[in-house]
C-alpha atoms as a PDB file:
ATOM      1  CA  MET A   1       3.884 -57.822  38.913  1.00  0.00           C
ATOM      2  CA  SER A   2       6.636 -60.414  38.999  1.00  0.00           C
ATOM      3  CA  ILE A   3      10.329 -59.751  38.543  1.00  0.00           C
ATOM      4  CA  PHE A   4      12.541 -62.839  38.488  1.00  0.00           C
ATOM      5  CA  GLY A   5       9.700 -64.797  40.057  1.00  0.00           C
ATOM      6  CA  MET A   6       9.450 -62.388  43.012  1.00  0.00           C
ATOM      7  CA  GLY A   7       6.387 -60.385  43.915  1.00  0.00           C
ATOM      8  CA  LEU A   8       6.096 -56.904  45.385  1.00  0.00           C
ATOM      9  CA  PRO A   9       6.393 -58.027  49.057  1.00  0.00           C
ATOM     10  CA  GLU A  10       9.653 -59.900  48.397  1.00  0.00           C
ATOM     11  CA  ILE A  11      11.152 -56.956  46.516  1.00  0.00           C
ATOM     12  CA  ALA A  12      10.139 -54.583  49.344  1.00  0.00           C
ATOM     13  CA  VAL A  13      11.859 -56.795  51.938  1.00  0.00           C
ATOM     14  CA  ILE A  14      15.030 -56.903  49.828  1.00  0.00           C
ATOM     15  CA  LEU A  15      15.008 -53.108  49.445  1.00  0.00           C
ATOM     16  CA  VAL A  16      14.544 -52.576  53.179  1.00  0.00           C
ATOM     17  CA  LEU A  17      17.401 -54.973  53.950  1.00  0.00           C
ATOM     18  CA  ALA A  18      19.618 -53.212  51.407  1.00  0.00           C
ATOM     19  CA  LEU A  19      18.770 -49.866  52.995  1.00  0.00           C
ATOM     20  CA  LEU A  20      19.686 -51.203  56.451  1.00  0.00           C
ATOM     21  CA  ILE A  21      22.918 -52.842  55.266  1.00  0.00           C
ATOM     22  CA  PHE A  22      24.288 -50.164  52.932  1.00  0.00           C
ATOM     23  CA  GLY A  23      22.636 -47.020  54.225  1.00  0.00           C
ATOM     24  CA  PRO A  24      20.790 -44.325  52.315  1.00  0.00           C
ATOM     25  CA  LYS A  25      23.935 -42.718  50.879  1.00  0.00           C
ATOM     26  CA  LYS A  26      25.245 -45.863  49.171  1.00  0.00           C
ATOM     27  CA  LEU A  27      21.950 -47.080  47.634  1.00  0.00           C
ATOM     28  CA  PRO A  28      21.879 -44.635  44.677  1.00  0.00           C
ATOM     29  CA  GLU A  29      25.470 -45.537  43.823  1.00  0.00           C
ATOM     30  CA  ILE A  30      24.685 -49.257  43.992  1.00  0.00           C
ATOM     31  CA  GLY A  31      21.561 -48.732  41.879  1.00  0.00           C
ATOM     32  CA  ARG A  32      23.537 -46.881  39.205  1.00  0.00           C
ATOM     33  CA  SER A  33      26.164 -49.597  39.136  1.00  0.00           C
ATOM     34  CA  MET A  34      23.546 -52.306  38.787  1.00  0.00           C
ATOM     35  CA  GLY A  35      21.767 -50.321  36.055  1.00  0.00           C
ATOM     36  CA  LYS A  36      25.000 -49.940  34.089  1.00  0.00           C
ATOM     37  CA  ALA A  37      25.763 -53.646  34.451  1.00  0.00           C
ATOM     38  CA  ILE A  38      22.294 -54.655  33.262  1.00  0.00           C
ATOM     39  CA  ARG A  39      22.468 -52.194  30.348  1.00  0.00           C
ATOM     40  CA  GLY A  40      25.881 -53.568  29.353  1.00  0.00           C
ATOM     41  CA  PHE A  41      24.552 -57.102  29.461  1.00  0.00           C
ATOM     42  CA  GLN A  42      21.571 -56.136  27.284  1.00  0.00           C
ATOM     43  CA  GLU A  43      23.827 -54.426  24.726  1.00  0.00           C
ATOM     44  CA  ALA A  44      26.152 -57.425  24.586  1.00  0.00           C
ATOM     45  CA  SER A  45      23.167 -59.717  24.183  1.00  0.00           C
ATOM     46  CA  LYS A  46      21.780 -57.641  21.293  1.00  0.00           C
ATOM     47  CA  GLU A  47      25.203 -57.519  19.643  1.00  0.00           C
ATOM     48  CA  PHE A  48      25.535 -61.295  19.920  1.00  0.00           C
ATOM     49  CA  GLU A  49      22.036 -61.787  18.487  1.00  0.00           C
ATOM     50  CA  ASN A  50      22.759 -59.456  15.553  1.00  0.00           C
ATOM     51  CA  GLU A  51      26.052 -61.208  14.822  1.00  0.00           C
ATOM     52  CA  PHE A  52      24.328 -64.597  14.955  1.00  0.00           C
ATOM     53  CA  LYS A  53      21.579 -63.429  12.562  1.00  0.00           C
ATOM     54  CA  ARG A  54      24.150 -61.957  10.164  1.00  0.00           C
ATOM     55  CA  GLU A  55      26.149 -65.188  10.098  1.00  0.00           C
ATOM     56  CA  ALA A  56      22.987 -67.261   9.614  1.00  0.00           C
ATOM     57  CA  LYS A  57      21.939 -65.041   6.705  1.00  0.00           C
ATOM     58  CA  GLN A  58      25.358 -65.347   5.067  1.00  0.00           C
ATOM     59  CA  LEU A  59      25.265 -69.105   5.468  1.00  0.00           C
ATOM     60  CA  GLU A  60      21.755 -69.269   4.029  1.00  0.00           C
ATOM     61  CA  GLU A  61      22.769 -67.144   1.029  1.00  0.00           C
ATOM     62  CA  ALA A  62      25.863 -69.269   0.445  1.00  0.00           C
ATOM     63  CA  THR A  63      23.756 -72.429   0.607  1.00  0.00           C
ATOM     64  CA  LYS A  64      21.267 -71.047  -1.918  1.00  0.00           C
ATOM     65  CA  MET A  65      24.069 -69.998  -4.241  1.00  0.00           C
ATOM     66  CA  SER A  66      25.892 -73.305  -3.956  1.00  0.00           C
ATOM     67  CA  LYS A  67      22.773 -75.142  -5.107  1.00  0.00           C
ATOM     68  CA  SER A  68      22.378 -72.914  -8.169  1.00  0.00           C
ATOM     69  CA  GLN A  69      26.008 -72.039  -9.001  1.00  0.00           C
ATOM     70  CA  PRO A  70      28.597 -74.177  -7.184  1.00  0.00           C
ATOM     71  CA  GLU A  71      31.740 -72.408  -8.486  1.00  0.00           C
ATOM     72  CA  LYS A  72      30.490 -68.844  -7.963  1.00  0.00           C
ATOM     73  CA  ALA A  73      29.247 -69.610  -4.438  1.00  0.00           C
ATOM     74  CA  MET A  74      32.688 -70.596  -3.226  1.00  0.00           C
ATOM     75  CA  THR A  75      34.226 -67.296  -4.364  1.00  0.00           C
ATOM     76  CA  THR A  76      31.348 -65.326  -2.806  1.00  0.00           C
ATOM     77  CA  VAL A  77      31.766 -67.073   0.542  1.00  0.00           C
ATOM     78  CA  ALA A  78      35.525 -66.473   0.453  1.00  0.00           C
ATOM     79  CA  SER A  79      35.102 -62.768  -0.330  1.00  0.00           C
ATOM     80  CA  THR A  80      32.444 -62.422   2.397  1.00  0.00           C
ATOM     81  CA  ASP A  81      34.768 -64.026   4.960  1.00  0.00           C
ATOM     82  CA  GLU A  82      37.546 -61.633   3.976  1.00  0.00           C
ATOM     83  CA  ALA A  83      35.195 -58.662   4.417  1.00  0.00           C
ATOM     84  CA  VAL A  84      34.160 -59.865   7.878  1.00  0.00           C
ATOM     85  CA  ASP A  85      37.798 -60.361   8.937  1.00  0.00           C
ATOM     86  CA  ALA A  86      38.758 -56.830   7.848  1.00  0.00           C
END
């Protein structure tokens, strides 16, 4: 098992040091805080990825439409941008 390139012995040493530095009462609080921060980062990452995929899809659709119908594609892109801004 490897987390961030660290094995089980390295993680155990870090946990023991954290226990000695912060004490047993503070560790659960620190763990919760770290869990919330990691969860927030994961949610933001997923949101960014979804937004990127949505924009790429819109661009791809606009490109396809512009090749087949140049005038209609421009109005579709403009209306899509207005919907995103709203």
